[in-house]
Amino acid sequence: PLPAWLKEPESVKEAARNVSLLCRERGSDIAKCALQFSIANPAITTTIAGSANPENIRKWAQWAAEPIDAALLEEILHLFQPVKNIGHVEGLAINN
């Protein structure tokens, strides 16, 4: 389930649920796909992931070294396409 504090529009949350389910069905993890996508994407110059749990850091390092599942990524991007660049706005408009 998504956290109660998540302020994204329902369409974005639904897309995230669908992607998470797809990843699980393929034996993967949405967090793994997100990490690998951000590392492989040349438009993203820095990827920072933090955790108080050292096991998470080890897992992320392993994921970063693994090849990305291109077919799964293509399906993920397709599912997210309708909600691409949609999010919640908070604070001053000039800052968003």
PDB file of N, CA and C in Angstrom:
ATOM      1  N   PRO A   1       0.824  -1.204   0.000  1.00  0.00           N
ATOM      2  CA  PRO A   1       0.000   0.000   0.000  1.00  0.00           C
ATOM      3  C   PRO A   1       0.861   1.259   0.000  1.00  0.00           C
ATOM      4  N   LEU A   2       0.314   2.301  -0.551  1.00  0.00           N
ATOM      5  CA  LEU A   2       1.016   3.579  -0.577  1.00  0.00           C
ATOM      6  C   LEU A   2       0.833   4.283   0.761  1.00  0.00           C
ATOM      7  N   PRO A   3       1.824   5.080   1.174  1.00  0.00           N
ATOM      8  CA  PRO A   3       1.708   5.768   2.463  1.00  0.00           C
ATOM      9  C   PRO A   3       0.581   6.803   2.451  1.00  0.00           C
ATOM     10  N   ALA A   4      -0.066   6.978   3.605  1.00  0.00           N
ATOM     11  CA  ALA A   4      -1.196   7.902   3.721  1.00  0.00           C
ATOM     12  C   ALA A   4      -0.789   9.344   3.433  1.00  0.00           C
ATOM     13  N   TRP A   5       0.476   9.680   3.699  1.00  0.00           N
ATOM     14  CA  TRP A   5       0.930  11.062   3.514  1.00  0.00           C
ATOM     15  C   TRP A   5       1.191  11.417   2.051  1.00  0.00           C
ATOM     16  N   LEU A   6       1.165  10.454   1.161  1.00  0.00           N
ATOM     17  CA  LEU A   6       1.456  10.713  -0.251  1.00  0.00           C
ATOM     18  C   LEU A   6       0.378  11.615  -0.849  1.00  0.00           C
ATOM     19  N   LYS A   7       0.779  12.749  -1.388  1.00  0.00           N
ATOM     20  CA  LYS A   7      -0.160  13.769  -1.862  1.00  0.00           C
ATOM     21  C   LYS A   7      -0.387  13.750  -3.369  1.00  0.00           C
ATOM     22  N   GLU A   8       0.152  12.782  -4.057  1.00  0.00           N
ATOM     23  CA  GLU A   8      -0.004  12.735  -5.511  1.00  0.00           C
ATOM     24  C   GLU A   8      -1.476  12.534  -5.885  1.00  0.00           C
ATOM     25  N   PRO A   9      -1.873  12.990  -7.075  1.00  0.00           N
ATOM     26  CA  PRO A   9      -3.242  12.744  -7.542  1.00  0.00           C
ATOM     27  C   PRO A   9      -3.523  11.239  -7.623  1.00  0.00           C
ATOM     28  N   GLU A  10      -4.779  10.873  -7.522  1.00  0.00           N
ATOM     29  CA  GLU A  10      -5.160   9.462  -7.523  1.00  0.00           C
ATOM     30  C   GLU A  10      -4.693   8.749  -8.790  1.00  0.00           C
ATOM     31  N   SER A  11      -4.691   9.426  -9.921  1.00  0.00           N
ATOM     32  CA  SER A  11      -4.244   8.785 -11.165  1.00  0.00           C
ATOM     33  C   SER A  11      -2.772   8.376 -11.085  1.00  0.00           C
ATOM     34  N   VAL A  12      -1.967   9.182 -10.424  1.00  0.00           N
ATOM     35  CA  VAL A  12      -0.543   8.868 -10.254  1.00  0.00           C
ATOM     36  C   VAL A  12      -0.386   7.700  -9.286  1.00  0.00           C
ATOM     37  N   LYS A  13      -1.146   7.726  -8.199  1.00  0.00           N
ATOM     38  CA  LYS A  13      -1.077   6.625  -7.229  1.00  0.00           C
ATOM     39  C   LYS A  13      -1.509   5.307  -7.867  1.00  0.00           C
ATOM     40  N   GLU A  14      -2.545   5.359  -8.688  1.00  0.00           N
ATOM     41  CA  GLU A  14      -3.016   4.145  -9.361  1.00  0.00           C
ATOM     42  C   GLU A  14      -1.953   3.607 -10.325  1.00  0.00           C
ATOM     43  N   ALA A  15      -1.310   4.490 -11.060  1.00  0.00           N
ATOM     44  CA  ALA A  15      -0.235   4.061 -11.960  1.00  0.00           C
ATOM     45  C   ALA A  15       0.898   3.421 -11.162  1.00  0.00           C
ATOM     46  N   ALA A  16       1.240   4.005 -10.020  1.00  0.00           N
ATOM     47  CA  ALA A  16       2.305   3.447  -9.176  1.00  0.00           C
ATOM     48  C   ALA A  16       1.916   2.070  -8.650  1.00  0.00           C
ATOM     49  N   ARG A  17       0.665   1.911  -8.260  1.00  0.00           N
ATOM     50  CA  ARG A  17       0.202   0.587  -7.804  1.00  0.00           C
ATOM     51  C   ARG A  17       0.326  -0.437  -8.933  1.00  0.00           C
ATOM     52  N   ASN A  18      -0.072  -0.048 -10.128  1.00  0.00           N
ATOM     53  CA  ASN A  18      -0.002  -0.961 -11.278  1.00  0.00           C
ATOM     54  C   ASN A  18       1.439  -1.335 -11.614  1.00  0.00           C
ATOM     55  N   VAL A  19       2.337  -0.370 -11.548  1.00  0.00           N
ATOM     56  CA  VAL A  19       3.751  -0.644 -11.823  1.00  0.00           C
ATOM     57  C   VAL A  19       4.335  -1.541 -10.739  1.00  0.00           C
ATOM     58  N   SER A  20       3.989  -1.268  -9.485  1.00  0.00           N
ATOM     59  CA  SER A  20       4.484  -2.101  -8.391  1.00  0.00           C
ATOM     60  C   SER A  20       4.030  -3.549  -8.560  1.00  0.00           C
ATOM     61  N   LEU A  21       2.774  -3.730  -8.923  1.00  0.00           N
ATOM     62  CA  LEU A  21       2.240  -5.074  -9.158  1.00  0.00           C
ATOM     63  C   LEU A  21       2.955  -5.750 -10.325  1.00  0.00           C
ATOM     64  N   LEU A  22       3.162  -5.027 -11.411  1.00  0.00           N
ATOM     65  CA  LEU A  22       3.880  -5.571 -12.565  1.00  0.00           C
ATOM     66  C   LEU A  22       5.276  -6.033 -12.154  1.00  0.00           C
ATOM     67  N   CYS A  23       5.978  -5.204 -11.400  1.00  0.00           N
ATOM     68  CA  CYS A  23       7.331  -5.564 -10.962  1.00  0.00           C
ATOM     69  C   CYS A  23       7.311  -6.840 -10.125  1.00  0.00           C
ATOM     70  N   ARG A  24       6.371  -6.926  -9.182  1.00  0.00           N
ATOM     71  CA  ARG A  24       6.275  -8.131  -8.348  1.00  0.00           C
ATOM     72  C   ARG A  24       5.973  -9.360  -9.200  1.00  0.00           C
ATOM     73  N   GLU A  25       5.059  -9.210 -10.164  1.00  0.00           N
ATOM     74  CA  GLU A  25       4.718 -10.336 -11.047  1.00  0.00           C
ATOM     75  C   GLU A  25       5.925 -10.813 -11.841  1.00  0.00           C
ATOM     76  N   ARG A  26       6.852  -9.921 -12.143  1.00  0.00           N
ATOM     77  CA  ARG A  26       8.057 -10.258 -12.901  1.00  0.00           C
ATOM     78  C   ARG A  26       9.224 -10.636 -11.998  1.00  0.00           C
ATOM     79  N   GLY A  27       8.965 -10.733 -10.681  1.00  0.00           N
ATOM     80  CA  GLY A  27      10.026 -11.114  -9.753  1.00  0.00           C
ATOM     81  C   GLY A  27      10.994  -9.992  -9.457  1.00  0.00           C
ATOM     82  N   SER A  28      10.559  -8.765  -9.661  1.00  0.00           N
ATOM     83  CA  SER A  28      11.411  -7.609  -9.420  1.00  0.00           C
ATOM     84  C   SER A  28      10.796  -6.743  -8.330  1.00  0.00           C
ATOM     85  N   ASP A  29      11.311  -5.542  -8.194  1.00  0.00           N
ATOM     86  CA  ASP A  29      10.886  -4.605  -7.161  1.00  0.00           C
ATOM     87  C   ASP A  29      10.834  -3.219  -7.794  1.00  0.00           C
ATOM     88  N   ILE A  30       9.792  -2.473  -7.518  1.00  0.00           N
ATOM     89  CA  ILE A  30       9.664  -1.138  -8.096  1.00  0.00           C
ATOM     90  C   ILE A  30      10.839  -0.255  -7.688  1.00  0.00           C
ATOM     91  N   ALA A  31      11.345  -0.440  -6.468  1.00  0.00           N
ATOM     92  CA  ALA A  31      12.498   0.355  -6.014  1.00  0.00           C
ATOM     93  C   ALA A  31      13.739   0.020  -6.839  1.00  0.00           C
ATOM     94  N   LYS A  32      13.916  -1.253  -7.161  1.00  0.00           N
ATOM     95  CA  LYS A  32      15.051  -1.665  -7.990  1.00  0.00           C
ATOM     96  C   LYS A  32      14.956  -1.026  -9.372  1.00  0.00           C
ATOM     97  N   CYS A  33      13.778  -1.092  -9.961  1.00  0.00           N
ATOM     98  CA  CYS A  33      13.592  -0.515 -11.299  1.00  0.00           C
ATOM     99  C   CYS A  33      13.827   0.990 -11.283  1.00  0.00           C
ATOM    100  N   ALA A  34      13.349   1.662 -10.241  1.00  0.00           N
ATOM    101  CA  ALA A  34      13.536   3.112 -10.137  1.00  0.00           C
ATOM    102  C   ALA A  34      15.007   3.466  -9.992  1.00  0.00           C
ATOM    103  N   LEU A  35      15.715   2.721  -9.149  1.00  0.00           N
ATOM    104  CA  LEU A  35      17.143   2.977  -8.950  1.00  0.00           C
ATOM    105  C   LEU A  35      17.914   2.751 -10.249  1.00  0.00           C
ATOM    106  N   GLN A  36      17.673   1.627 -10.903  1.00  0.00           N
ATOM    107  CA  GLN A  36      18.380   1.329 -12.144  1.00  0.00           C
ATOM    108  C   GLN A  36      18.048   2.339 -13.237  1.00  0.00           C
ATOM    109  N   PHE A  37      16.784   2.753 -13.316  1.00  0.00           N
ATOM    110  CA  PHE A  37      16.389   3.753 -14.311  1.00  0.00           C
ATOM    111  C   PHE A  37      17.133   5.061 -14.078  1.00  0.00           C
ATOM    112  N   SER A  38      17.185   5.502 -12.833  1.00  0.00           N
ATOM    113  CA  SER A  38      17.830   6.790 -12.549  1.00  0.00           C
ATOM    114  C   SER A  38      19.329   6.738 -12.807  1.00  0.00           C
ATOM    115  N   ILE A  39      19.947   5.607 -12.540  1.00  0.00           N
ATOM    116  CA  ILE A  39      21.386   5.470 -12.790  1.00  0.00           C
ATOM    117  C   ILE A  39      21.672   5.418 -14.294  1.00  0.00           C
ATOM    118  N   ALA A  40      20.817   4.731 -15.039  1.00  0.00           N
ATOM    119  CA  ALA A  40      21.051   4.551 -16.480  1.00  0.00           C
ATOM    120  C   ALA A  40      20.633   5.757 -17.319  1.00  0.00           C
ATOM    121  N   ASN A  41      19.822   6.638 -16.762  1.00  0.00           N
ATOM    122  CA  ASN A  41      19.281   7.756 -17.529  1.00  0.00           C
ATOM    123  C   ASN A  41      20.289   8.898 -17.594  1.00  0.00           C
ATOM    124  N   PRO A  42      20.794   9.236 -18.781  1.00  0.00           N
ATOM    125  CA  PRO A  42      21.795  10.303 -18.890  1.00  0.00           C
ATOM    126  C   PRO A  42      21.259  11.681 -18.521  1.00  0.00           C
ATOM    127  N   ALA A  43      19.942  11.853 -18.494  1.00  0.00           N
ATOM    128  CA  ALA A  43      19.361  13.140 -18.104  1.00  0.00           C
ATOM    129  C   ALA A  43      19.361  13.334 -16.588  1.00  0.00           C
ATOM    130  N   ILE A  44      19.641  12.271 -15.848  1.00  0.00           N
ATOM    131  CA  ILE A  44      19.700  12.345 -14.382  1.00  0.00           C
ATOM    132  C   ILE A  44      21.171  12.275 -13.995  1.00  0.00           C
ATOM    133  N   THR A  45      21.722  13.409 -13.580  1.00  0.00           N
ATOM    134  CA  THR A  45      23.164  13.467 -13.332  1.00  0.00           C
ATOM    135  C   THR A  45      23.569  12.908 -11.978  1.00  0.00           C
ATOM    136  N   THR A  46      22.665  12.913 -11.018  1.00  0.00           N
ATOM    137  CA  THR A  46      22.995  12.420  -9.681  1.00  0.00           C
ATOM    138  C   THR A  46      21.828  11.613  -9.137  1.00  0.00           C
ATOM    139  N   THR A  47      22.130  10.463  -8.580  1.00  0.00           N
ATOM    140  CA  THR A  47      21.127   9.650  -7.911  1.00  0.00           C
ATOM    141  C   THR A  47      21.567   9.476  -6.467  1.00  0.00           C
ATOM    142  N   ILE A  48      20.732   9.910  -5.539  1.00  0.00           N
ATOM    143  CA  ILE A  48      21.044   9.794  -4.116  1.00  0.00           C
ATOM    144  C   ILE A  48      19.963   8.942  -3.470  1.00  0.00           C
ATOM    145  N   ALA A  49      20.368   7.863  -2.849  1.00  0.00           N
ATOM    146  CA  ALA A  49      19.447   7.011  -2.102  1.00  0.00           C
ATOM    147  C   ALA A  49      19.994   6.891  -0.687  1.00  0.00           C
ATOM    148  N   GLY A  50      19.146   7.066   0.292  1.00  0.00           N
ATOM    149  CA  GLY A  50      19.607   7.011   1.673  1.00  0.00           C
ATOM    150  C   GLY A  50      18.742   6.091   2.511  1.00  0.00           C
ATOM    151  N   SER A  51      19.352   5.491   3.512  1.00  0.00           N
ATOM    152  CA  SER A  51      18.631   4.587   4.395  1.00  0.00           C
ATOM    153  C   SER A  51      19.386   4.446   5.706  1.00  0.00           C
ATOM    154  N   ALA A  52      18.653   4.253   6.781  1.00  0.00           N
ATOM    155  CA  ALA A  52      19.264   3.965   8.073  1.00  0.00           C
ATOM    156  C   ALA A  52      19.584   2.476   8.198  1.00  0.00           C
ATOM    157  N   ASN A  53      19.173   1.696   7.219  1.00  0.00           N
ATOM    158  CA  ASN A  53      19.352   0.249   7.248  1.00  0.00           C
ATOM    159  C   ASN A  53      20.501  -0.141   6.313  1.00  0.00           C
ATOM    160  N   PRO A  54      21.623  -0.606   6.866  1.00  0.00           N
ATOM    161  CA  PRO A  54      22.768  -0.973   6.027  1.00  0.00           C
ATOM    162  C   PRO A  54      22.435  -2.058   4.993  1.00  0.00           C
ATOM    163  N   GLU A  55      21.491  -2.926   5.297  1.00  0.00           N
ATOM    164  CA  GLU A  55      21.124  -3.977   4.343  1.00  0.00           C
ATOM    165  C   GLU A  55      20.537  -3.367   3.070  1.00  0.00           C
ATOM    166  N   ASN A  56      19.782  -2.279   3.221  1.00  0.00           N
ATOM    167  CA  ASN A  56      19.246  -1.598   2.036  1.00  0.00           C
ATOM    168  C   ASN A  56      20.367  -1.093   1.147  1.00  0.00           C
ATOM    169  N   ILE A  57      21.395  -0.520   1.749  1.00  0.00           N
ATOM    170  CA  ILE A  57      22.524   0.019   0.983  1.00  0.00           C
ATOM    171  C   ILE A  57      23.214  -1.106   0.207  1.00  0.00           C
ATOM    172  N   ARG A  58      23.419  -2.242   0.858  1.00  0.00           N
ATOM    173  CA  ARG A  58      24.037  -3.389   0.173  1.00  0.00           C
ATOM    174  C   ARG A  58      23.165  -3.861  -0.994  1.00  0.00           C
ATOM    175  N   LYS A  59      21.859  -3.912  -0.749  1.00  0.00           N
ATOM    176  CA  LYS A  59      20.924  -4.349  -1.790  1.00  0.00           C
ATOM    177  C   LYS A  59      20.964  -3.379  -2.969  1.00  0.00           C
ATOM    178  N   TRP A  60      20.987  -2.086  -2.691  1.00  0.00           N
ATOM    179  CA  TRP A  60      21.014  -1.087  -3.760  1.00  0.00           C
ATOM    180  C   TRP A  60      22.300  -1.176  -4.568  1.00  0.00           C
ATOM    181  N   ALA A  61      23.406  -1.430  -3.891  1.00  0.00           N
ATOM    182  CA  ALA A  61      24.681  -1.573  -4.607  1.00  0.00           C
ATOM    183  C   ALA A  61      24.620  -2.778  -5.546  1.00  0.00           C
ATOM    184  N   GLN A  62      24.018  -3.857  -5.073  1.00  0.00           N
ATOM    185  CA  GLN A  62      23.862  -5.051  -5.915  1.00  0.00           C
ATOM    186  C   GLN A  62      22.960  -4.734  -7.111  1.00  0.00           C
ATOM    187  N   TRP A  63      21.845  -4.060  -6.855  1.00  0.00           N
ATOM    188  CA  TRP A  63      20.930  -3.704  -7.941  1.00  0.00           C
ATOM    189  C   TRP A  63      21.616  -2.817  -8.974  1.00  0.00           C
ATOM    190  N   ALA A  64      22.429  -1.882  -8.494  1.00  0.00           N
ATOM    191  CA  ALA A  64      23.113  -0.951  -9.403  1.00  0.00           C
ATOM    192  C   ALA A  64      24.064  -1.689 -10.338  1.00  0.00           C
ATOM    193  N   ALA A  65      24.620  -2.799  -9.865  1.00  0.00           N
ATOM    194  CA  ALA A  65      25.575  -3.566 -10.663  1.00  0.00           C
ATOM    195  C   ALA A  65      24.888  -4.523 -11.643  1.00  0.00           C
ATOM    196  N   GLU A  66      23.617  -4.801 -11.421  1.00  0.00           N
ATOM    197  CA  GLU A  66      22.888  -5.731 -12.283  1.00  0.00           C
ATOM    198  C   GLU A  66      22.418  -5.032 -13.560  1.00  0.00           C
ATOM    199  N   PRO A  67      22.313  -5.775 -14.651  1.00  0.00           N
ATOM    200  CA  PRO A  67      21.782  -5.169 -15.883  1.00  0.00           C
ATOM    201  C   PRO A  67      20.295  -4.847 -15.719  1.00  0.00           C
ATOM    202  N   ILE A  68      19.888  -3.766 -16.333  1.00  0.00           N
ATOM    203  CA  ILE A  68      18.486  -3.355 -16.267  1.00  0.00           C
ATOM    204  C   ILE A  68      17.655  -4.269 -17.169  1.00  0.00           C
ATOM    205  N   ASP A  69      16.457  -4.589 -16.732  1.00  0.00           N
ATOM    206  CA  ASP A  69      15.533  -5.398 -17.526  1.00  0.00           C
ATOM    207  C   ASP A  69      14.832  -4.452 -18.506  1.00  0.00           C
ATOM    208  N   ALA A  70      15.342  -4.384 -19.724  1.00  0.00           N
ATOM    209  CA  ALA A  70      14.851  -3.417 -20.714  1.00  0.00           C
ATOM    210  C   ALA A  70      13.381  -3.645 -21.058  1.00  0.00           C
ATOM    211  N   ALA A  71      12.960  -4.900 -21.139  1.00  0.00           N
ATOM    212  CA  ALA A  71      11.560  -5.188 -21.476  1.00  0.00           C
ATOM    213  C   ALA A  71      10.632  -4.724 -20.355  1.00  0.00           C
ATOM    214  N   LEU A  72      11.028  -4.975 -19.116  1.00  0.00           N
ATOM    215  CA  LEU A  72      10.231  -4.527 -17.976  1.00  0.00           C
ATOM    216  C   LEU A  72      10.197  -3.004 -17.926  1.00  0.00           C
ATOM    217  N   LEU A  73      11.336  -2.368 -18.142  1.00  0.00           N
ATOM    218  CA  LEU A  73      11.389  -0.907 -18.136  1.00  0.00           C
ATOM    219  C   LEU A  73      10.453  -0.320 -19.195  1.00  0.00           C
ATOM    220  N   GLU A  74      10.423  -0.924 -20.365  1.00  0.00           N
ATOM    221  CA  GLU A  74       9.539  -0.440 -21.433  1.00  0.00           C
ATOM    222  C   GLU A  74       8.074  -0.496 -20.990  1.00  0.00           C
ATOM    223  N   GLU A  75       7.700  -1.585 -20.326  1.00  0.00           N
ATOM    224  CA  GLU A  75       6.323  -1.708 -19.838  1.00  0.00           C
ATOM    225  C   GLU A  75       6.030  -0.695 -18.735  1.00  0.00           C
ATOM    226  N   ILE A  76       7.004  -0.473 -17.856  1.00  0.00           N
ATOM    227  CA  ILE A  76       6.839   0.509 -16.781  1.00  0.00           C
ATOM    228  C   ILE A  76       6.622   1.900 -17.368  1.00  0.00           C
ATOM    229  N   LEU A  77       7.457   2.280 -18.316  1.00  0.00           N
ATOM    230  CA  LEU A  77       7.327   3.599 -18.935  1.00  0.00           C
ATOM    231  C   LEU A  77       5.973   3.750 -19.631  1.00  0.00           C
ATOM    232  N   HIS A  78       5.499   2.666 -20.230  1.00  0.00           N
ATOM    233  CA  HIS A  78       4.182   2.693 -20.881  1.00  0.00           C
ATOM    234  C   HIS A  78       3.075   2.929 -19.845  1.00  0.00           C
ATOM    235  N   LEU A  79       3.157   2.256 -18.699  1.00  0.00           N
ATOM    236  CA  LEU A  79       2.137   2.424 -17.660  1.00  0.00           C
ATOM    237  C   LEU A  79       2.167   3.818 -17.040  1.00  0.00           C
ATOM    238  N   PHE A  80       3.365   4.398 -16.936  1.00  0.00           N
ATOM    239  CA  PHE A  80       3.489   5.735 -16.348  1.00  0.00           C
ATOM    240  C   PHE A  80       3.235   6.862 -17.357  1.00  0.00           C
ATOM    241  N   GLN A  81       3.237   6.566 -18.651  1.00  0.00           N
ATOM    242  CA  GLN A  81       3.099   7.608 -19.672  1.00  0.00           C
ATOM    243  C   GLN A  81       1.892   8.527 -19.457  1.00  0.00           C
ATOM    244  N   PRO A  82       0.700   7.992 -19.146  1.00  0.00           N
ATOM    245  CA  PRO A  82      -0.460   8.886 -18.988  1.00  0.00           C
ATOM    246  C   PRO A  82      -0.333   9.884 -17.829  1.00  0.00           C
ATOM    247  N   VAL A  83       0.541   9.600 -16.865  1.00  0.00           N
ATOM    248  CA  VAL A  83       0.675  10.494 -15.705  1.00  0.00           C
ATOM    249  C   VAL A  83       2.054  11.145 -15.635  1.00  0.00           C
ATOM    250  N   LYS A  84       2.807  11.041 -16.716  1.00  0.00           N
ATOM    251  CA  LYS A  84       4.143  11.635 -16.743  1.00  0.00           C
ATOM    252  C   LYS A  84       4.047  13.137 -16.482  1.00  0.00           C
ATOM    253  N   ASN A  85       4.905  13.615 -15.594  1.00  0.00           N
ATOM    254  CA  ASN A  85       4.990  15.036 -15.224  1.00  0.00           C
ATOM    255  C   ASN A  85       3.755  15.553 -14.494  1.00  0.00           C
ATOM    256  N   ILE A  86       2.948  14.668 -13.937  1.00  0.00           N
ATOM    257  CA  ILE A  86       1.813  15.072 -13.107  1.00  0.00           C
ATOM    258  C   ILE A  86       2.210  14.837 -11.653  1.00  0.00           C
ATOM    259  N   GLY A  87       1.976  15.802 -10.826  1.00  0.00           N
ATOM    260  CA  GLY A  87       2.284  15.664  -9.407  1.00  0.00           C
ATOM    261  C   GLY A  87       1.520  16.691  -8.608  1.00  0.00           C
ATOM    262  N   HIS A  88       1.738  16.682  -7.322  1.00  0.00           N
ATOM    263  CA  HIS A  88       1.059  17.682  -6.493  1.00  0.00           C
ATOM    264  C   HIS A  88       1.918  18.937  -6.418  1.00  0.00           C
ATOM    265  N   VAL A  89       1.279  20.051  -6.215  1.00  0.00           N
ATOM    266  CA  VAL A  89       1.961  21.335  -6.087  1.00  0.00           C
ATOM    267  C   VAL A  89       1.813  21.783  -4.643  1.00  0.00           C
ATOM    268  N   GLU A  90       2.910  22.206  -4.079  1.00  0.00           N
ATOM    269  CA  GLU A  90       2.897  22.632  -2.686  1.00  0.00           C
ATOM    270  C   GLU A  90       3.773  23.863  -2.542  1.00  0.00           C
ATOM    271  N   GLY A  91       3.356  24.791  -1.719  1.00  0.00           N
ATOM    272  CA  GLY A  91       4.158  25.981  -1.494  1.00  0.00           C
ATOM    273  C   GLY A  91       3.919  27.042  -2.557  1.00  0.00           C
ATOM    274  N   LEU A  92       4.878  27.919  -2.697  1.00  0.00           N
ATOM    275  CA  LEU A  92       4.769  29.026  -3.641  1.00  0.00           C
ATOM    276  C   LEU A  92       4.876  28.532  -5.081  1.00  0.00           C
ATOM    277  N   ALA A  93       4.054  29.077  -5.941  1.00  0.00           N
ATOM    278  CA  ALA A  93       4.065  28.676  -7.354  1.00  0.00           C
ATOM    279  C   ALA A  93       5.432  28.889  -7.985  1.00  0.00           C
ATOM    280  N   ILE A  94       6.133  29.923  -7.571  1.00  0.00           N
ATOM    281  CA  ILE A  94       7.457  30.215  -8.133  1.00  0.00           C
ATOM    282  C   ILE A  94       8.466  29.101  -7.841  1.00  0.00           C
ATOM    283  N   ASN A  95       8.213  28.331  -6.799  1.00  0.00           N
ATOM    284  CA  ASN A  95       9.128  27.256  -6.402  1.00  0.00           C
ATOM    285  C   ASN A  95       8.764  25.913  -7.023  1.00  0.00           C
ATOM    286  N   ASN A  96       7.695  25.871  -7.780  1.00  0.00           N
ATOM    287  CA  ASN A  96       7.246  24.596  -8.351  1.00  0.00           C
ATOM    288  C   ASN A  96       7.439  24.552  -9.845  1.00  0.00           C
TER     289      ASN A  96
END
